[in-house]
PDB file of N, CA and C in Angstrom:
ATOM      1  N   MET A   1      -3.443 -11.364 -18.635  1.00  0.00           N
ATOM      2  CA  MET A   1      -2.787 -11.737 -17.942  1.00  0.00           C
ATOM      3  C   MET A   1      -1.123 -11.960 -17.872  1.00  0.00           C
ATOM      4  N   ALA A   2      -0.942 -11.323 -18.861  1.00  0.00           N
ATOM      5  CA  ALA A   2       0.808 -11.540 -19.438  1.00  0.00           C
ATOM      6  C   ALA A   2       1.447 -10.396 -18.906  1.00  0.00           C
ATOM      7  N   LYS A   3       0.911  -9.252 -18.663  1.00  0.00           N
ATOM      8  CA  LYS A   3       1.286  -8.285 -17.629  1.00  0.00           C
ATOM      9  C   LYS A   3       1.545  -8.977 -16.178  1.00  0.00           C
ATOM     10  N   LEU A   4       1.070  -9.982 -15.519  1.00  0.00           N
ATOM     11  CA  LEU A   4       1.178 -10.677 -14.578  1.00  0.00           C
ATOM     12  C   LEU A   4       2.724 -11.857 -14.158  1.00  0.00           C
ATOM     13  N   VAL A   5       3.360 -12.294 -15.625  1.00  0.00           N
ATOM     14  CA  VAL A   5       3.637 -13.264 -15.778  1.00  0.00           C
ATOM     15  C   VAL A   5       4.892 -11.958 -15.671  1.00  0.00           C
ATOM     16  N   GLN A   6       4.938 -11.180 -16.739  1.00  0.00           N
ATOM     17  CA  GLN A   6       5.749 -10.306 -16.826  1.00  0.00           C
ATOM     18  C   GLN A   6       6.627  -9.884 -15.816  1.00  0.00           C
ATOM     19  N   GLN A   7       6.084 -10.049 -14.709  1.00  0.00           N
ATOM     20  CA  GLN A   7       6.370  -9.322 -13.557  1.00  0.00           C
ATOM     21  C   GLN A   7       6.261 -10.010 -12.360  1.00  0.00           C
ATOM     22  N   GLY A   8       6.415 -11.236 -13.067  1.00  0.00           N
ATOM     23  CA  GLY A   8       7.157 -12.687 -12.060  1.00  0.00           C
ATOM     24  C   GLY A   8       6.198 -13.305 -11.693  1.00  0.00           C
ATOM     25  N   ILE A   9       4.872 -12.831 -11.153  1.00  0.00           N
ATOM     26  CA  ILE A   9       3.904 -13.861 -10.741  1.00  0.00           C
ATOM     27  C   ILE A   9       3.888 -15.320 -11.304  1.00  0.00           C
ATOM     28  N   SER A  10       4.407 -16.512 -10.636  1.00  0.00           N
ATOM     29  CA  SER A  10       4.018 -17.508 -11.154  1.00  0.00           C
ATOM     30  C   SER A  10       2.340 -18.094 -11.406  1.00  0.00           C
ATOM     31  N   TYR A  11       2.653 -19.034 -12.821  1.00  0.00           N
ATOM     32  CA  TYR A  11       1.029 -19.025 -13.300  1.00  0.00           C
ATOM     33  C   TYR A  11       0.067 -19.769 -12.446  1.00  0.00           C
ATOM     34  N   LYS A  12       0.653 -20.588 -11.136  1.00  0.00           N
ATOM     35  CA  LYS A  12      -0.053 -21.250 -10.469  1.00  0.00           C
ATOM     36  C   LYS A  12      -0.670 -20.541  -9.386  1.00  0.00           C
ATOM     37  N   ALA A  13       0.181 -18.585  -9.435  1.00  0.00           N
ATOM     38  CA  ALA A  13      -0.593 -18.214  -8.287  1.00  0.00           C
ATOM     39  C   ALA A  13      -1.674 -17.091  -9.387  1.00  0.00           C
ATOM     40  N   ILE A  14      -1.079 -16.865 -10.427  1.00  0.00           N
ATOM     41  CA  ILE A  14      -2.728 -16.261 -11.217  1.00  0.00           C
ATOM     42  C   ILE A  14      -3.429 -17.119 -10.976  1.00  0.00           C
ATOM     43  N   LEU A  15      -3.290 -18.064 -11.318  1.00  0.00           N
ATOM     44  CA  LEU A  15      -4.361 -18.656 -11.732  1.00  0.00           C
ATOM     45  C   LEU A  15      -5.315 -19.256 -10.132  1.00  0.00           C
ATOM     46  N   GLY A  16      -4.397 -18.537  -9.036  1.00  0.00           N
ATOM     47  CA  GLY A  16      -5.092 -18.364  -7.433  1.00  0.00           C
ATOM     48  C   GLY A  16      -5.975 -17.502  -7.532  1.00  0.00           C
ATOM     49  N   ASP A  17      -5.569 -16.210  -6.803  1.00  0.00           N
ATOM     50  CA  ASP A  17      -5.904 -15.404  -5.995  1.00  0.00           C
ATOM     51  C   ASP A  17      -5.256 -14.279  -6.490  1.00  0.00           C
ATOM     52  N   VAL A  18      -3.713 -13.759  -7.141  1.00  0.00           N
ATOM     53  CA  VAL A  18      -3.745 -12.689  -7.350  1.00  0.00           C
ATOM     54  C   VAL A  18      -4.214 -12.098  -8.922  1.00  0.00           C
ATOM     55  N   SER A  19      -4.308 -12.770  -9.812  1.00  0.00           N
ATOM     56  CA  SER A  19      -5.261 -12.809 -10.716  1.00  0.00           C
ATOM     57  C   SER A  19      -7.008 -11.877 -10.090  1.00  0.00           C
ATOM     58  N   GLU A  20      -7.292 -12.499  -9.272  1.00  0.00           N
ATOM     59  CA  GLU A  20      -8.557 -11.756  -8.817  1.00  0.00           C
ATOM     60  C   GLU A  20      -8.738 -10.673  -8.142  1.00  0.00           C
ATOM     61  N   ALA A  21      -7.630 -11.174  -7.321  1.00  0.00           N
ATOM     62  CA  ALA A  21      -7.339  -9.911  -6.182  1.00  0.00           C
ATOM     63  C   ALA A  21      -6.745  -8.249  -7.569  1.00  0.00           C
ATOM     64  N   SER A  22      -5.708  -8.533  -8.628  1.00  0.00           N
ATOM     65  CA  SER A  22      -6.024  -7.663  -9.636  1.00  0.00           C
ATOM     66  C   SER A  22      -7.584  -7.169 -10.248  1.00  0.00           C
ATOM     67  N   ASP A  23      -8.244  -8.152 -10.517  1.00  0.00           N
ATOM     68  CA  ASP A  23      -9.406  -7.767 -11.050  1.00  0.00           C
ATOM     69  C   ASP A  23     -10.039  -6.761 -10.441  1.00  0.00           C
ATOM     70  N   TYR A  24     -10.003  -7.265  -9.331  1.00  0.00           N
ATOM     71  CA  TYR A  24     -11.045  -6.573  -7.861  1.00  0.00           C
ATOM     72  C   TYR A  24     -10.246  -4.366  -8.075  1.00  0.00           C
ATOM     73  N   LEU A  25      -9.005  -4.865  -8.182  1.00  0.00           N
ATOM     74  CA  LEU A  25      -8.534  -3.258  -8.121  1.00  0.00           C
ATOM     75  C   LEU A  25      -8.441  -2.993  -9.357  1.00  0.00           C
ATOM     76  N   VAL A  26      -9.029  -3.292 -10.414  1.00  0.00           N
ATOM     77  CA  VAL A  26      -8.727  -2.795 -11.945  1.00  0.00           C
ATOM     78  C   VAL A  26     -10.660  -1.959 -11.489  1.00  0.00           C
ATOM     79  N   VAL A  27     -11.369  -2.326 -10.751  1.00  0.00           N
ATOM     80  CA  VAL A  27     -12.971  -1.794 -10.443  1.00  0.00           C
ATOM     81  C   VAL A  27     -12.687  -0.755  -9.595  1.00  0.00           C
ATOM     82  N   GLN A  28     -12.051  -0.735  -8.730  1.00  0.00           N
ATOM     83  CA  GLN A  28     -12.045  -0.102  -7.250  1.00  0.00           C
ATOM     84  C   GLN A  28     -11.223   0.886  -7.825  1.00  0.00           C
ATOM     85  N   LEU A  29      -9.686   1.160  -7.826  1.00  0.00           N
ATOM     86  CA  LEU A  29      -9.037   1.809  -7.855  1.00  0.00           C
ATOM     87  C   LEU A  29      -9.375   2.345  -9.910  1.00  0.00           C
ATOM     88  N   LYS A  30      -9.703   2.296 -10.347  1.00  0.00           N
ATOM     89  CA  LYS A  30     -10.187   2.703 -11.735  1.00  0.00           C
ATOM     90  C   LYS A  30      -8.482   3.106 -12.672  1.00  0.00           C
ATOM     91  N   MET A  31      -7.758   1.821 -12.259  1.00  0.00           N
ATOM     92  CA  MET A  31      -6.231   1.564 -13.210  1.00  0.00           C
ATOM     93  C   MET A  31      -7.161   0.594 -14.036  1.00  0.00           C
ATOM     94  N   THR A  32      -5.962   0.731 -14.664  1.00  0.00           N
ATOM     95  CA  THR A  32      -5.783   0.157 -16.101  1.00  0.00           C
ATOM     96  C   THR A  32      -5.930  -1.516 -15.488  1.00  0.00           C
ATOM     97  N   PHE A  33      -6.005  -2.676 -16.217  1.00  0.00           N
ATOM     98  CA  PHE A  33      -5.662  -3.828 -15.908  1.00  0.00           C
ATOM     99  C   PHE A  33      -3.751  -3.847 -15.834  1.00  0.00           C
ATOM    100  N   GLU A  34      -3.418  -3.261 -16.788  1.00  0.00           N
ATOM    101  CA  GLU A  34      -1.756  -3.300 -16.733  1.00  0.00           C
ATOM    102  C   GLU A  34      -1.433  -2.701 -15.776  1.00  0.00           C
ATOM    103  N   ALA A  35      -1.820  -1.769 -14.919  1.00  0.00           N
ATOM    104  CA  ALA A  35      -1.229  -0.736 -14.158  1.00  0.00           C
ATOM    105  C   ALA A  35      -1.402  -1.747 -12.414  1.00  0.00           C
ATOM    106  N   THR A  36      -2.547  -2.292 -12.801  1.00  0.00           N
ATOM    107  CA  THR A  36      -3.232  -3.043 -11.821  1.00  0.00           C
ATOM    108  C   THR A  36      -2.193  -3.925 -11.509  1.00  0.00           C
ATOM    109  N   ALA A  37      -1.924  -5.020 -12.910  1.00  0.00           N
ATOM    110  CA  ALA A  37      -1.081  -6.440 -12.420  1.00  0.00           C
ATOM    111  C   ALA A  37       0.185  -6.155 -11.564  1.00  0.00           C
ATOM    112  N   GLU A  38       0.711  -4.903 -12.384  1.00  0.00           N
ATOM    113  CA  GLU A  38       2.125  -4.501 -12.265  1.00  0.00           C
ATOM    114  C   GLU A  38       1.983  -4.268 -10.310  1.00  0.00           C
ATOM    115  N   PHE A  39       0.678  -3.212  -9.911  1.00  0.00           N
ATOM    116  CA  PHE A  39       0.889  -2.821  -8.406  1.00  0.00           C
ATOM    117  C   PHE A  39       0.781  -4.255  -8.005  1.00  0.00           C
ATOM    118  N   ALA A  40      -0.092  -5.126  -8.374  1.00  0.00           N
ATOM    119  CA  ALA A  40      -0.189  -6.502  -7.367  1.00  0.00           C
ATOM    120  C   ALA A  40       1.355  -7.042  -7.454  1.00  0.00           C
ATOM    121  N   ALA A  41       1.641  -7.189  -8.158  1.00  0.00           N
ATOM    122  CA  ALA A  41       2.873  -8.062  -8.486  1.00  0.00           C
ATOM    123  C   ALA A  41       4.014  -7.492  -7.345  1.00  0.00           C
ATOM    124  N   LYS A  42       3.943  -6.237  -7.784  1.00  0.00           N
ATOM    125  CA  LYS A  42       4.965  -5.430  -6.661  1.00  0.00           C
ATOM    126  C   LYS A  42       4.489  -5.337  -5.501  1.00  0.00           C
ATOM    127  N   MET A  43       3.590  -5.510  -4.843  1.00  0.00           N
ATOM    128  CA  MET A  43       2.499  -5.453  -3.699  1.00  0.00           C
ATOM    129  C   MET A  43       2.795  -6.699  -3.260  1.00  0.00           C
ATOM    130  N   GLN A  44       2.743  -7.801  -3.501  1.00  0.00           N
ATOM    131  CA  GLN A  44       2.966  -9.683  -3.578  1.00  0.00           C
ATOM    132  C   GLN A  44       4.779  -9.531  -2.899  1.00  0.00           C
ATOM    133  N   ASP A  45       5.464  -9.045  -4.019  1.00  0.00           N
ATOM    134  CA  ASP A  45       6.816  -9.028  -3.774  1.00  0.00           C
ATOM    135  C   ASP A  45       7.350  -7.794  -2.657  1.00  0.00           C
ATOM    136  N   THR A  46       6.545  -6.835  -2.241  1.00  0.00           N
ATOM    137  CA  THR A  46       7.020  -6.058  -0.890  1.00  0.00           C
ATOM    138  C   THR A  46       6.635  -6.614   0.128  1.00  0.00           C
ATOM    139  N   THR A  47       5.124  -7.037   0.072  1.00  0.00           N
ATOM    140  CA  THR A  47       4.308  -7.836   1.530  1.00  0.00           C
ATOM    141  C   THR A  47       4.996  -9.380   2.166  1.00  0.00           C
ATOM    142  N   GLN A  48       5.788 -10.177   0.742  1.00  0.00           N
ATOM    143  CA  GLN A  48       6.439 -11.357   0.730  1.00  0.00           C
ATOM    144  C   GLN A  48       5.143 -11.926   1.346  1.00  0.00           C
ATOM    145  N   LYS A  49       3.950 -12.138   0.551  1.00  0.00           N
ATOM    146  CA  LYS A  49       2.749 -13.286   0.996  1.00  0.00           C
ATOM    147  C   LYS A  49       2.550 -14.136  -0.179  1.00  0.00           C
ATOM    148  N   SER A  50       2.249 -15.246   0.199  1.00  0.00           N
ATOM    149  CA  SER A  50       1.344 -15.493  -0.470  1.00  0.00           C
ATOM    150  C   SER A  50       0.483 -15.665  -1.910  1.00  0.00           C
ATOM    151  N   GLU A  51       0.157 -16.333  -2.561  1.00  0.00           N
ATOM    152  CA  GLU A  51      -1.169 -15.508  -3.120  1.00  0.00           C
ATOM    153  C   GLU A  51      -2.397 -16.130  -2.890  1.00  0.00           C
ATOM    154  N   LYS A  52      -2.520 -16.891  -1.542  1.00  0.00           N
ATOM    155  CA  LYS A  52      -3.445 -16.898  -1.059  1.00  0.00           C
ATOM    156  C   LYS A  52      -3.944 -15.837  -0.063  1.00  0.00           C
ATOM    157  N   ASN A  53      -2.825 -15.281   0.331  1.00  0.00           N
ATOM    158  CA  ASN A  53      -2.850 -14.062   1.055  1.00  0.00           C
ATOM    159  C   ASN A  53      -3.453 -12.769   0.521  1.00  0.00           C
ATOM    160  N   MET A  54      -3.360 -12.836  -0.752  1.00  0.00           N
ATOM    161  CA  MET A  54      -3.354 -11.097  -1.713  1.00  0.00           C
ATOM    162  C   MET A  54      -4.785 -10.756  -1.882  1.00  0.00           C
ATOM    163  N   LEU A  55      -5.529 -11.569  -1.647  1.00  0.00           N
ATOM    164  CA  LEU A  55      -7.437 -11.259  -1.966  1.00  0.00           C
ATOM    165  C   LEU A  55      -7.473  -9.963  -0.519  1.00  0.00           C
ATOM    166  N   GLY A  56      -6.571 -10.932   0.782  1.00  0.00           N
ATOM    167  CA  GLY A  56      -7.154  -9.703   1.866  1.00  0.00           C
ATOM    168  C   GLY A  56      -5.889  -8.790   1.696  1.00  0.00           C
ATOM    169  N   ILE A  57      -4.811  -9.231   1.194  1.00  0.00           N
ATOM    170  CA  ILE A  57      -3.928  -7.480   1.312  1.00  0.00           C
ATOM    171  C   ILE A  57      -4.562  -6.674  -0.028  1.00  0.00           C
ATOM    172  N   MET A  58      -5.556  -6.521  -1.173  1.00  0.00           N
ATOM    173  CA  MET A  58      -5.701  -5.885  -1.855  1.00  0.00           C
ATOM    174  C   MET A  58      -7.358  -5.566  -1.109  1.00  0.00           C
ATOM    175  N   ASP A  59      -7.948  -6.022  -0.776  1.00  0.00           N
ATOM    176  CA  ASP A  59      -8.969  -5.340   0.067  1.00  0.00           C
ATOM    177  C   ASP A  59      -8.875  -4.943   1.307  1.00  0.00           C
ATOM    178  N   THR A  60      -7.440  -4.892   1.919  1.00  0.00           N
ATOM    179  CA  THR A  60      -6.609  -3.534   2.740  1.00  0.00           C
ATOM    180  C   THR A  60      -6.505  -2.456   1.651  1.00  0.00           C
ATOM    181  N   ILE A  61      -5.765  -2.643   0.190  1.00  0.00           N
ATOM    182  CA  ILE A  61      -5.400  -1.738  -0.233  1.00  0.00           C
ATOM    183  C   ILE A  61      -6.473  -0.838  -0.662  1.00  0.00           C
ATOM    184  N   GLN A  62      -7.797  -1.250  -1.010  1.00  0.00           N
ATOM    185  CA  GLN A  62      -8.838  -0.666  -1.391  1.00  0.00           C
ATOM    186  C   GLN A  62      -9.105   0.323  -0.345  1.00  0.00           C
ATOM    187  N   HIS A  63      -9.326  -0.190   1.076  1.00  0.00           N
ATOM    188  CA  HIS A  63      -9.946   0.454   1.804  1.00  0.00           C
ATOM    189  C   HIS A  63      -9.194   1.720   2.859  1.00  0.00           C
ATOM    190  N   ALA A  64      -7.847   1.367   2.245  1.00  0.00           N
ATOM    191  CA  ALA A  64      -6.856   2.173   2.373  1.00  0.00           C
ATOM    192  C   ALA A  64      -7.227   3.456   1.328  1.00  0.00           C
ATOM    193  N   TYR A  65      -7.263   3.112   0.029  1.00  0.00           N
ATOM    194  CA  TYR A  65      -7.384   3.781  -1.155  1.00  0.00           C
ATOM    195  C   TYR A  65      -8.346   4.657  -0.689  1.00  0.00           C
ATOM    196  N   TYR A  66      -9.682   4.361   0.007  1.00  0.00           N
ATOM    197  CA  TYR A  66     -10.725   5.360  -0.208  1.00  0.00           C
ATOM    198  C   TYR A  66     -10.708   6.042   1.290  1.00  0.00           C
ATOM    199  N   LEU A  67      -9.892   5.848   2.065  1.00  0.00           N
ATOM    200  CA  LEU A  67      -9.518   6.496   3.276  1.00  0.00           C
ATOM    201  C   LEU A  67      -8.520   7.841   2.614  1.00  0.00           C
ATOM    202  N   GLY A  68      -8.091   7.653   1.561  1.00  0.00           N
ATOM    203  CA  GLY A  68      -7.188   9.189   1.066  1.00  0.00           C
ATOM    204  C   GLY A  68      -6.539   8.469   0.920  1.00  0.00           C
ATOM    205  N   VAL A  69      -5.513   7.430   0.852  1.00  0.00           N
ATOM    206  CA  VAL A  69      -4.332   7.112   0.402  1.00  0.00           C
ATOM    207  C   VAL A  69      -3.870   6.551  -1.143  1.00  0.00           C
ATOM    208  N   ASP A  70      -2.671   7.756  -1.314  1.00  0.00           N
ATOM    209  CA  ASP A  70      -2.951   7.426  -3.084  1.00  0.00           C
ATOM    210  C   ASP A  70      -1.789   5.788  -3.002  1.00  0.00           C
ATOM    211  N   SER A  71      -2.768   5.069  -4.347  1.00  0.00           N
ATOM    212  CA  SER A  71      -1.986   3.917  -4.269  1.00  0.00           C
ATOM    213  C   SER A  71      -0.230   4.219  -4.729  1.00  0.00           C
ATOM    214  N   ASP A  72       0.240   4.841  -5.094  1.00  0.00           N
ATOM    215  CA  ASP A  72       1.446   5.272  -5.457  1.00  0.00           C
ATOM    216  C   ASP A  72       2.542   5.611  -3.779  1.00  0.00           C
ATOM    217  N   ASN A  73       1.501   5.892  -2.884  1.00  0.00           N
ATOM    218  CA  ASN A  73       2.341   6.363  -1.406  1.00  0.00           C
ATOM    219  C   ASN A  73       2.113   4.673  -0.707  1.00  0.00           C
ATOM    220  N   MET A  74       1.410   3.653  -1.637  1.00  0.00           N
ATOM    221  CA  MET A  74       1.610   2.500  -0.667  1.00  0.00           C
ATOM    222  C   MET A  74       3.034   1.571  -0.535  1.00  0.00           C
ATOM    223  N   PHE A  75       3.992   1.817  -1.057  1.00  0.00           N
ATOM    224  CA  PHE A  75       5.228   1.299  -1.230  1.00  0.00           C
ATOM    225  C   PHE A  75       6.114   1.588  -0.433  1.00  0.00           C
ATOM    226  N   LEU A  76       5.772   3.246   0.150  1.00  0.00           N
ATOM    227  CA  LEU A  76       7.054   3.911   0.759  1.00  0.00           C
ATOM    228  C   LEU A  76       6.867   3.144   2.331  1.00  0.00           C
TER     229      LEU A  76
END
């Protein structure tokens, strides 16, 4: 959770869906939690979506990953 705070995610958002969304990506994308927390924070910042929408966004990320899109290229 500290990594999410360092990335500028509010405590309210962490207790909401951003943390849960990050946890799913740890398993699905086989990333470390630190890398996933940073990824989730950047994705929320990039998309300007609220924390309640982050689970849907992370679901889309997971689908794109399994279609062969590299997670590093999702911000381009």
